[in-house]
Protein backbone atom coordinates (compact mmCIF):
# COMPACT_ATOMS: atom_id res chain seq x y z
CA UNK A 1 0.06 0.06 -0.41
CA UNK A 2 0.66 3.55 -1.50
CA UNK A 3 1.70 6.08 1.70
CA UNK A 4 1.50 9.73 1.51
CA UNK A 5 2.88 11.38 4.77
CA UNK A 6 1.48 8.49 7.27
CA UNK A 7 -1.56 8.89 5.32
CA UNK A 8 -2.47 5.16 3.12
CA UNK A 9 -3.68 6.22 0.05
CA UNK A 10 -7.51 4.08 0.66
CA UNK A 11 -7.23 6.38 3.78
CA UNK A 12 -7.71 10.00 1.21
CA UNK A 13 -11.14 10.15 -0.35
CA UNK A 14 -10.97 10.45 -4.33
CA UNK A 15 -13.52 12.82 -5.08
CA UNK A 16 -10.57 14.96 -2.46
CA UNK A 17 -8.10 13.42 -4.97
CA UNK A 18 -10.23 14.71 -8.24
CA UNK A 19 -11.39 17.24 -7.38
CA UNK A 20 -14.02 18.36 -10.25
CA UNK A 21 -16.03 15.51 -12.28
CA UNK A 22 -18.34 16.19 -15.32
CA UNK A 23 -21.10 13.69 -16.50
CA UNK A 24 -21.46 11.97 -19.63
CA UNK A 25 -22.30 15.10 -21.34
CA UNK A 26 -20.17 17.36 -19.33
CA UNK A 27 -17.60 15.82 -20.80
CA UNK A 28 -19.11 14.83 -23.91
CA UNK A 29 -19.63 18.62 -24.45
CA UNK A 30 -16.36 20.02 -25.47
CA UNK A 31 -15.27 17.39 -26.90
CA UNK A 32 -17.93 17.90 -29.61
CA UNK A 33 -18.91 13.76 -29.16
CA UNK A 34 -21.92 12.83 -27.77
CA UNK A 35 -22.08 10.60 -23.92
CA UNK A 36 -22.15 7.16 -25.85
CA UNK A 37 -18.70 8.05 -27.47
CA UNK A 38 -17.54 9.36 -24.07
CA UNK A 39 -19.12 5.84 -23.15
CA UNK A 40 -16.87 4.03 -25.21
CA UNK A 41 -13.73 5.86 -24.47
CA UNK A 42 -13.99 4.45 -20.68
CA UNK A 43 -14.90 1.24 -22.50
CA UNK A 44 -11.72 1.17 -24.86
CA UNK A 45 -9.60 2.23 -21.30
CA UNK A 46 -8.77 5.73 -23.57
CA UNK A 47 -10.74 7.22 -20.02
CA UNK A 48 -12.55 5.84 -16.71
CA UNK A 49 -15.29 7.32 -15.82
CA UNK A 50 -16.93 6.19 -11.93
CA UNK A 51 -20.44 6.28 -10.91
CA UNK A 52 -20.99 8.74 -8.51
CA UNK A 53 -24.42 9.91 -7.68
CA UNK A 54 -26.36 7.06 -9.61
CA UNK A 55 -24.68 8.34 -13.06
CA UNK A 56 -21.07 7.76 -14.61
CA UNK A 57 -18.50 10.52 -14.62
CA UNK A 58 -15.22 11.70 -15.68
CA UNK A 59 -12.86 13.88 -13.47
CA UNK A 60 -12.63 17.10 -15.30
CA UNK A 61 -8.92 17.23 -14.92
CA UNK A 62 -9.22 14.48 -17.97
CA UNK A 63 -10.74 16.94 -20.52
CA UNK A 64 -8.04 19.90 -22.22
CA UNK A 65 -10.16 22.54 -24.02
CA UNK A 66 -11.46 20.39 -26.76
CA UNK A 67 -9.75 17.35 -26.39
CA UNK A 68 -8.70 14.62 -24.05
CA UNK A 69 -5.68 15.30 -22.31
CA UNK A 70 -2.34 14.84 -24.43
CA UNK A 71 -1.26 10.69 -23.80
CA UNK A 72 -4.08 9.77 -20.65
CA UNK A 73 -5.15 7.05 -23.29
CA UNK A 74 -1.52 4.74 -23.38
CA UNK A 75 -0.63 5.61 -20.16
CA UNK A 76 -4.64 4.20 -18.65
CA UNK A 77 -3.68 1.38 -20.90
CA UNK A 78 -0.40 1.28 -18.49
CA UNK A 79 -1.62 1.67 -15.51
CA UNK A 80 -4.83 -0.84 -16.29
CA UNK A 81 -2.02 -3.35 -17.74
CA UNK A 82 0.49 -3.01 -14.19
CA UNK A 83 -3.36 -4.66 -12.60
CA UNK A 84 -4.20 -1.39 -11.05
CA UNK A 85 -8.33 -1.08 -10.38
CA UNK A 86 -9.74 1.89 -12.22
CA UNK A 87 -9.83 3.67 -8.58
CA UNK A 88 -6.33 2.34 -8.27
CA UNK A 89 -5.15 4.39 -11.23
CA UNK A 90 -7.24 7.25 -10.54
CA UNK A 91 -6.02 7.42 -6.90
CA UNK A 92 -2.24 6.94 -8.78
CA UNK A 93 -2.74 9.66 -11.37
CA UNK A 94 -4.37 12.61 -8.89
CA UNK A 95 -1.29 12.23 -5.83
CA UNK A 96 0.59 14.60 -6.13
CA UNK A 97 4.59 12.75 -6.05
CA UNK A 98 7.08 16.00 -4.96
CA UNK A 99 9.88 14.23 -7.90
CA UNK A 100 7.61 15.43 -10.57
CA UNK A 101 6.77 17.63 -9.05
CA UNK A 102 2.91 17.64 -8.59
CA UNK A 103 0.79 14.98 -9.24
CA UNK A 104 0.85 12.81 -12.77
CA UNK A 105 -2.39 13.77 -14.61
CA UNK A 106 -1.00 17.92 -13.78
CA UNK A 107 2.54 16.72 -14.78
CA UNK A 108 0.72 15.08 -18.06
CA UNK A 109 -1.44 18.48 -18.69
CA UNK A 110 1.74 20.41 -18.09
CA UNK A 111 2.81 18.39 -21.72
CA UNK A 112 5.11 16.25 -18.99
CA UNK A 113 3.62 12.64 -19.98
CA UNK A 114 6.93 11.52 -20.96
CA UNK A 115 8.10 11.06 -17.50
CA UNK A 116 4.54 10.23 -15.70
CA UNK A 117 4.55 7.24 -18.43
CA UNK A 118 8.27 6.64 -17.89
CA UNK A 119 6.96 5.65 -14.00
CA UNK A 120 3.32 4.05 -14.97
CA UNK A 121 6.12 1.14 -16.74
CA UNK A 122 7.86 1.29 -14.40
CA UNK A 123 4.80 -0.10 -11.57
CA UNK A 124 4.66 -2.99 -14.10
CA UNK A 125 7.60 -4.80 -12.85
C-alpha cells in the first residue's frame, strides 16, 4: 500500500483527490462528441469513469480544452496492464508526487507526460 505523509492512499477520499467531476454529457460537450462516445472511450480504456450519484462521471482534469489530455489514453493502458483497478489508477494519477513535482495528471496537462508514462511503465515490474 502506498503512503503519503503517513496516510495510506486508501484513506484519502477519491473526491478530494480528483476534485471536479463531469457527467458524460458535460464531458462530451467540449469534445464535440455524444455522451455515448464518452462511454465508448471508457470501455476502450482511453478514459476512466466511475459511478457517482447514480451516474457515470469522469474527472474534469481529463479534458483539456476540446480534447482529451495528451498521453492520457496510453497512460491508462499502462496502469491497467500493471494491474491497477479504476480507483487505484485514479488515485495514482491524482496523488501529488514531490519528485514530479505535482500529480501525474497535472504533469500530463503541463506537457510533461513522458516522465509520467515512464513511471507508469515501471509499476508493471
